[in-house]
Amino acid sequence: MLRVSLDGKKVARAHFPTRFGEFEILGLENEVDGEQAIALVKGTVASPAVPLVRVHSQCFTGDTLHSLRCDCGDQLEHALSEIGKSESGILIYQMQEGRGIGLINKLRAYELQDQGVDTVDANLQLGFEADQRNYEFCAEILKFLGVTAVRLLSNNPEKIKGLEAAGVSVTERVPLIVQSSPFCRDYLNTKKERMGHLL
């Protein structure tokens, strides 16, 4: 059973002003397996509120280096902007780089993609599942924050299934639409056609 640690050494809280608005930032750790995540919280999110929520998987290449091979960085900024404008919202930043395969393996997948392999088959050729992410810890973070129902900013039906299976109701899926680059068109087509993303 995954749990958010209540040990004060493993839950850090601080005021966090950004260009998207003022948030509270929390650093959280799963006391069972050590998985870590960050939550940015805007306003009063505990039930009966139904906050706007984004579960964002770490993408160093897209979020930090502004890669055009994916739309992750643009999605992160759009989500922060929408949550910043809302009365209440949460962005959970999961440390699950490359759909859970890690940064170096993601770069190995890039290498295969440069040879014409799509993003799903690249992961499979490297010995991983197409998507290894798990959303149980995210659901536990939401419940830790007093949230049992969310409006989810996402194009990925697996996130909806994952949160609901872990006890968080998704009352609405809010599409996350960003301008795409020509460099990531094949990537987005693969997400739509092979992974069921709602683009």
Protein backbone atom coordinates (compact mmCIF):
# COMPACT_ATOMS: atom_id res chain seq x y z
CA MET A 1 0.00 0.00 0.00
CA LEU A 2 1.50 3.31 -1.08
CA ARG A 3 1.37 6.14 1.44
CA VAL A 4 2.50 9.73 1.68
CA SER A 5 4.89 9.99 4.58
CA LEU A 6 3.70 12.15 7.46
CA ASP A 7 7.22 12.38 8.82
CA GLY A 8 8.04 16.10 8.98
CA LYS A 9 11.45 15.37 7.49
CA LYS A 10 9.80 13.98 4.37
CA VAL A 11 7.09 16.60 3.76
CA ALA A 12 8.47 20.07 3.10
CA ARG A 13 6.20 23.13 2.69
CA ALA A 14 6.99 26.68 1.58
CA HIS A 15 5.48 29.77 -0.03
CA PHE A 16 6.27 29.69 -3.76
CA PRO A 17 5.66 32.80 -5.91
CA THR A 18 5.89 32.25 -9.70
CA ARG A 19 5.07 34.21 -12.83
CA PHE A 20 1.86 32.15 -12.97
CA GLY A 21 0.76 33.19 -9.48
CA GLU A 22 1.47 32.40 -5.85
CA PHE A 23 1.44 28.80 -4.72
CA GLU A 24 2.37 26.67 -1.76
CA ILE A 25 5.01 24.13 -2.74
CA LEU A 26 5.19 20.75 -1.05
CA GLY A 27 7.89 18.13 -1.38
CA LEU A 28 6.52 14.67 -0.65
CA GLU A 29 7.98 11.22 -0.35
CA ASN A 30 6.38 7.80 -0.48
CA GLU A 31 7.53 6.17 2.74
CA VAL A 32 7.21 2.68 1.21
CA ASP A 33 9.49 2.96 -1.82
CA GLY A 34 11.06 6.42 -1.56
CA GLU A 35 9.38 7.85 -4.67
CA GLN A 36 9.34 11.65 -4.52
CA ALA A 37 7.00 14.25 -6.01
CA ILE A 38 6.29 17.95 -5.78
CA ALA A 39 2.86 19.53 -5.42
CA LEU A 40 2.10 23.17 -6.19
CA VAL A 41 -1.13 24.16 -4.45
CA LYS A 42 -3.29 27.19 -5.28
CA GLY A 43 -6.09 28.27 -2.93
CA THR A 44 -8.25 26.02 -0.78
CA VAL A 45 -8.28 22.59 -2.34
CA ALA A 46 -9.76 20.30 0.32
CA SER A 47 -13.20 18.81 -0.24
CA PRO A 48 -15.91 19.92 -0.97
CA ALA A 49 -13.89 21.98 -3.49
CA VAL A 50 -13.19 20.27 -6.82
CA PRO A 51 -9.83 21.75 -7.79
CA LEU A 52 -8.27 21.93 -11.24
CA VAL A 53 -5.45 19.37 -11.19
CA ARG A 54 -2.57 18.53 -13.48
CA VAL A 55 -0.45 15.41 -12.96
CA HIS A 56 2.73 16.16 -14.90
CA SER A 57 5.50 13.63 -15.44
CA GLN A 58 9.03 14.98 -15.23
CA CYS A 59 10.54 15.74 -18.64
CA PHE A 60 13.98 17.25 -18.23
CA THR A 61 14.46 17.63 -21.98
CA GLY A 62 11.11 19.34 -22.52
CA ASP A 63 10.51 21.19 -19.24
CA THR A 64 14.07 22.45 -18.70
CA LEU A 65 15.90 22.31 -22.03
CA HIS A 66 12.79 23.31 -24.09
CA SER A 67 13.07 20.37 -26.48
CA LEU A 68 10.79 20.49 -29.51
CA ARG A 69 10.68 16.68 -29.72
CA CYS A 70 7.72 16.70 -27.31
CA ASP A 71 5.04 19.07 -26.05
CA CYS A 72 5.80 18.51 -22.35
CA GLY A 73 7.29 21.92 -21.56
CA ASP A 74 4.40 23.72 -23.24
CA GLN A 75 1.91 21.53 -21.40
CA LEU A 76 3.58 22.32 -18.07
CA GLU A 77 3.47 26.07 -18.67
CA HIS A 78 -0.13 25.97 -19.90
CA ALA A 79 -1.19 23.92 -16.86
CA LEU A 80 0.54 26.33 -14.46
CA SER A 81 -1.14 29.26 -16.19
CA GLU A 82 -4.60 27.67 -15.97
CA ILE A 83 -4.16 26.62 -12.34
CA GLY A 84 -2.75 30.05 -11.50
CA LYS A 85 -5.94 31.66 -12.86
CA SER A 86 -8.25 29.25 -11.05
CA GLU A 87 -9.69 29.63 -7.54
CA SER A 88 -8.15 26.35 -6.46
CA GLY A 89 -5.81 23.94 -8.12
CA ILE A 90 -2.88 21.56 -7.80
CA LEU A 91 0.01 20.62 -10.05
CA ILE A 92 1.69 17.36 -9.08
CA TYR A 93 5.13 16.96 -10.62
CA GLN A 94 6.02 13.27 -10.74
CA MET A 95 9.63 12.12 -10.96
CA GLN A 96 8.83 9.59 -13.71
CA GLU A 97 11.10 10.72 -16.55
CA GLY A 98 10.48 9.22 -19.98
CA ARG A 99 7.20 7.57 -18.97
CA GLY A 100 9.03 5.92 -16.11
CA ILE A 101 12.19 4.66 -17.87
CA GLY A 102 14.58 7.39 -16.68
CA LEU A 103 16.55 10.11 -18.44
CA ILE A 104 19.40 8.07 -19.95
CA ASN A 105 17.03 5.41 -21.28
CA LYS A 106 14.86 8.17 -22.71
CA LEU A 107 17.89 9.45 -24.63
CA ARG A 108 18.49 5.88 -25.86
CA ALA A 109 14.87 5.89 -27.03
CA TYR A 110 15.56 9.19 -28.85
CA GLU A 111 18.45 7.44 -30.61
CA LEU A 112 16.09 4.71 -31.84
CA GLN A 113 13.52 7.31 -32.88
CA ASP A 114 16.20 9.01 -35.00
CA GLN A 115 16.46 5.68 -36.84
CA GLY A 116 12.72 5.69 -37.60
CA VAL A 117 11.30 3.79 -34.61
CA ASP A 118 8.28 5.39 -32.93
CA THR A 119 8.23 6.28 -29.23
CA VAL A 120 6.23 3.19 -28.22
CA ASP A 121 8.41 0.68 -30.08
CA ALA A 122 11.57 2.44 -28.87
CA ASN A 123 10.57 1.77 -25.25
CA LEU A 124 9.65 -1.82 -26.10
CA GLN A 125 12.97 -2.42 -27.89
CA LEU A 126 14.77 -1.17 -24.78
CA GLY A 127 12.96 -3.78 -22.69
CA PHE A 128 10.35 -1.52 -21.09
CA GLU A 129 6.60 -1.21 -21.35
CA ALA A 130 5.27 1.52 -23.64
CA ASP A 131 4.33 3.48 -20.51
CA GLN A 132 5.61 2.44 -17.09
CA ARG A 133 4.05 5.26 -15.07
CA ASN A 134 1.87 4.65 -12.04
CA TYR A 135 -0.56 7.17 -10.54
CA GLU A 136 -1.19 5.64 -7.10
CA PHE A 137 1.25 7.96 -5.35
CA CYS A 138 -0.38 10.97 -7.03
CA ALA A 139 -3.77 9.83 -5.75
CA GLU A 140 -2.33 9.44 -2.24
CA ILE A 141 -0.92 12.99 -2.43
CA LEU A 142 -4.34 14.32 -3.42
CA LYS A 143 -5.99 12.48 -0.52
CA PHE A 144 -3.25 13.77 1.81
CA LEU A 145 -4.31 17.27 0.72
CA GLY A 146 -7.97 16.46 1.45
CA VAL A 147 -8.93 16.09 -2.21
CA THR A 148 -11.21 13.25 -3.30
CA ALA A 149 -12.51 14.69 -6.60
CA VAL A 150 -10.72 16.65 -9.31
CA ARG A 151 -11.12 18.39 -12.63
CA LEU A 152 -8.17 16.84 -14.48
CA LEU A 153 -6.09 18.75 -17.02
CA SER A 154 -5.03 15.90 -19.28
CA ASN A 155 -5.28 14.28 -22.71
CA ASN A 156 -4.32 10.86 -21.33
CA PRO A 157 -7.20 8.51 -20.44
CA GLU A 158 -4.77 6.29 -18.48
CA LYS A 159 -4.31 9.08 -15.91
CA ILE A 160 -8.06 9.20 -15.40
CA LYS A 161 -8.21 5.41 -14.96
CA GLY A 162 -5.18 5.42 -12.67
CA LEU A 163 -6.52 8.12 -10.35
CA GLU A 164 -10.01 6.65 -10.21
CA ALA A 165 -8.66 3.15 -9.52
CA ALA A 166 -6.76 4.66 -6.58
CA GLY A 167 -9.85 6.34 -5.12
CA VAL A 168 -9.88 9.87 -6.62
CA SER A 169 -12.94 10.77 -8.70
CA VAL A 170 -12.35 12.65 -11.95
CA THR A 171 -15.49 14.77 -12.38
CA GLU A 172 -14.28 16.42 -15.59
CA ARG A 173 -11.45 16.00 -18.08
CA VAL A 174 -10.16 19.40 -19.12
CA PRO A 175 -8.33 19.17 -22.47
CA LEU A 176 -4.73 20.36 -22.45
CA ILE A 177 -4.24 21.92 -25.86
CA VAL A 178 -0.92 23.51 -26.82
CA GLN A 179 0.66 24.56 -30.10
CA SER A 180 2.68 21.69 -31.52
CA SER A 181 6.05 21.87 -33.23
CA PRO A 182 6.74 20.16 -36.58
CA PHE A 183 9.49 18.26 -34.73
CA CYS A 184 6.97 16.47 -32.50
CA ARG A 185 4.21 15.72 -34.99
CA ASP A 186 5.11 12.02 -35.27
CA TYR A 187 5.41 11.79 -31.47
CA LEU A 188 1.92 13.26 -31.02
CA ASN A 189 0.45 11.02 -33.71
CA THR A 190 1.90 7.98 -31.93
CA LYS A 191 0.41 9.14 -28.61
CA LYS A 192 -2.98 9.50 -30.29
CA GLU A 193 -2.99 6.38 -32.47
CA ARG A 194 -1.13 3.89 -30.26
CA MET A 195 -1.69 5.17 -26.73
CA GLY A 196 -5.23 6.53 -27.02
CA HIS A 197 -4.43 10.13 -26.08
CA LEU A 198 -7.29 12.51 -26.77
CA LEU A 199 -5.65 15.06 -29.07
